[in-house]
Every structure is written in C-alpha cells, then in structure tokens.
Amino acid sequence: MTGNESFIAAVKPLVDAMGGMMIPPDEASADDVVLAWEGVDVVAVRLPQLADSLDHILAAMERKRGKPLSELDRRSKQEVVRILEARGAFSVRHGVETVASALGVSRFTVYNYLNREKES
C-alpha cells in the first residue's frame, strides 16, 4: 500500500461517518475539501448537504444501537435527542420533524425532551 493509499484508508472512516464522498482531487468543485498529504493533493471530500447529514446521523445511531430508534425506551430516546442537539440537528430545517419521525414520537415530545435537557 502506498503512502497515498494509506492516507485515503485512514480518512475513509471519518468521511463515511460524516456521510461524505471521496473523489479524485482533479474532480473537486469549489465546495469540496481537497486533502493533501506531504504537499500532494491526494483525495477530495464532497460533504453532504446538511439535511442529508441528519439522515446519515440517524442511520448511524440506529446501526450503533442495533435496532430502529423508534424501538428505544423513553430514556434512550431522550439521550438520542440530547446527542442530536449537541450535534446541531435541530438547526436543520425540519430537524425536529425528522427526528420525531425516526423516534416514533410527536414533535411535541421532542420539544419536551429538549426543554427537559435545558431545565437540568
């Protein structure tokens, strides 16, 4: 494995976790992030749109827990909301609705979870 391949392999888990896509640096657009190693452009990362990021984060949380978020108990759902708030999920348009749908609760319940965190 060359140095460039090692670098690409090293950053791939991070890019995957963000929901990004790796592309050749010569195909990068102005919005892409070009990563260089030892002064050479190695790979470009195309970041997801913010709304797509929320879907990706929710899917990753489901994978980590091994079941749909809607099947979690109340305390676990509150923890998910706390984590998502810390990651800025509710600054995305329709973020509350998206999260409520994934958790199988109402928007009102998500707002209650958010308010509960602020009161603690």
Protein backbone atom coordinates (compact mmCIF):
# COMPACT_ATOMS: atom_id res chain seq x y z
CA MET A 1 0.00 0.00 0.00
CA THR A 2 1.44 3.38 -0.98
CA GLY A 3 1.51 6.39 1.31
CA ASN A 4 -1.42 7.93 -0.55
CA GLU A 5 -3.48 4.74 -0.27
CA SER A 6 -2.68 4.58 3.45
CA PHE A 7 -3.79 8.18 3.88
CA ILE A 8 -7.03 7.53 2.00
CA ALA A 9 -7.67 4.40 4.09
CA ALA A 10 -7.03 6.40 7.26
CA VAL A 11 -9.52 9.18 6.46
CA LYS A 12 -12.21 6.94 4.95
CA PRO A 13 -13.92 6.09 8.29
CA LEU A 14 -14.23 9.79 9.07
CA VAL A 15 -15.60 10.62 5.63
CA ASP A 16 -18.07 7.73 5.89
CA ALA A 17 -19.18 8.86 9.37
CA MET A 18 -19.89 12.34 8.01
CA GLY A 19 -21.80 10.95 5.06
CA GLY A 20 -19.27 12.44 2.67
CA MET A 21 -17.98 11.04 -0.59
CA MET A 22 -14.35 10.69 -1.63
CA ILE A 23 -13.50 11.74 -5.18
CA PRO A 24 -10.29 12.31 -7.14
CA PRO A 25 -8.85 15.76 -6.38
CA ASP A 26 -8.96 16.81 -10.05
CA GLU A 27 -12.76 16.33 -9.98
CA ALA A 28 -13.25 18.58 -6.94
CA SER A 29 -15.58 21.54 -7.14
CA ALA A 30 -15.23 24.76 -5.16
CA ASP A 31 -17.38 23.34 -2.34
CA ASP A 32 -15.32 20.17 -1.93
CA VAL A 33 -12.47 19.82 0.56
CA VAL A 34 -9.20 18.72 -1.03
CA LEU A 35 -6.94 16.78 1.34
CA ALA A 36 -3.21 16.88 0.75
CA TRP A 37 -0.50 14.64 2.16
CA GLU A 38 3.12 15.68 2.10
CA GLY A 39 2.32 18.55 -0.26
CA VAL A 40 0.40 16.44 -2.78
CA ASP A 41 -3.38 16.57 -3.31
CA VAL A 42 -4.49 13.01 -2.57
CA VAL A 43 -8.27 12.99 -2.35
CA ALA A 44 -11.20 15.39 -2.28
CA VAL A 45 -14.15 15.06 0.03
CA ARG A 46 -17.61 16.06 -1.09
CA LEU A 47 -19.55 16.93 2.03
CA PRO A 48 -23.24 16.05 2.25
CA GLN A 49 -25.98 18.63 2.31
CA LEU A 50 -26.99 19.50 5.86
CA ALA A 51 -30.38 17.77 5.62
CA ASP A 52 -28.73 14.61 4.27
CA SER A 53 -26.31 14.72 7.20
CA LEU A 54 -29.17 14.42 9.68
CA ASP A 55 -30.50 11.34 7.90
CA HIS A 56 -27.00 9.88 7.92
CA ILE A 57 -26.54 10.61 11.63
CA LEU A 58 -29.88 8.97 12.44
CA ALA A 59 -28.98 5.89 10.40
CA ALA A 60 -25.62 5.65 12.17
CA MET A 61 -27.32 5.89 15.55
CA GLU A 62 -29.65 3.05 14.58
CA ARG A 63 -26.72 0.91 13.47
CA LYS A 64 -24.87 1.62 16.71
CA ARG A 65 -27.89 0.63 18.80
CA GLY A 66 -28.72 -2.37 16.63
CA LYS A 67 -32.39 -1.51 16.20
CA PRO A 68 -34.69 1.23 14.92
CA LEU A 69 -34.68 4.34 17.10
CA SER A 70 -38.46 4.06 17.38
CA GLU A 71 -37.98 0.84 19.38
CA LEU A 72 -35.83 2.51 22.06
CA ASP A 73 -37.20 3.13 25.54
CA ARG A 74 -38.04 6.65 26.65
CA ARG A 75 -34.75 7.30 28.43
CA SER A 76 -32.77 6.16 25.38
CA LYS A 77 -34.84 8.40 23.12
CA GLN A 78 -34.11 11.33 25.43
CA GLU A 79 -30.40 10.52 25.18
CA VAL A 80 -30.64 10.44 21.37
CA VAL A 81 -32.28 13.88 21.40
CA ARG A 82 -29.54 15.21 23.71
CA ILE A 83 -26.83 13.88 21.39
CA LEU A 84 -28.57 15.25 18.31
CA GLU A 85 -28.99 18.65 19.90
CA ALA A 86 -25.28 18.75 20.72
CA ARG A 87 -24.54 17.92 17.07
CA GLY A 88 -26.78 20.73 15.79
CA ALA A 89 -29.53 18.53 14.39
CA PHE A 90 -32.26 20.95 15.34
CA SER A 91 -30.75 23.84 13.40
CA VAL A 92 -31.61 21.99 10.19
CA ARG A 93 -34.91 22.87 8.59
CA HIS A 94 -37.50 20.25 9.63
CA GLY A 95 -34.95 18.77 12.04
CA VAL A 96 -37.49 18.30 14.83
CA GLU A 97 -39.95 16.64 12.46
CA THR A 98 -37.26 14.35 11.03
CA VAL A 99 -36.08 13.29 14.48
CA ALA A 100 -39.63 12.84 15.77
CA SER A 101 -40.41 10.56 12.84
CA ALA A 102 -37.25 8.49 13.40
CA LEU A 103 -38.03 8.15 17.11
CA GLY A 104 -41.69 7.34 16.51
CA VAL A 105 -42.85 10.24 18.69
CA SER A 106 -44.56 13.56 18.13
CA ARG A 107 -42.81 16.87 17.58
CA PHE A 108 -44.28 17.94 20.91
CA THR A 109 -42.47 15.04 22.61
CA VAL A 110 -39.15 16.03 21.02
CA TYR A 111 -39.66 19.62 22.23
CA ASN A 112 -40.41 18.25 25.71
CA TYR A 113 -37.17 16.25 25.63
CA LEU A 114 -35.27 19.37 24.55
CA ASN A 115 -36.86 21.50 27.27
CA ARG A 116 -36.16 18.83 29.88
CA GLU A 117 -32.45 18.99 28.99
CA LYS A 118 -32.40 22.78 29.36
CA GLU A 119 -34.05 22.58 32.78
CA SER A 120 -31.49 20.06 34.09
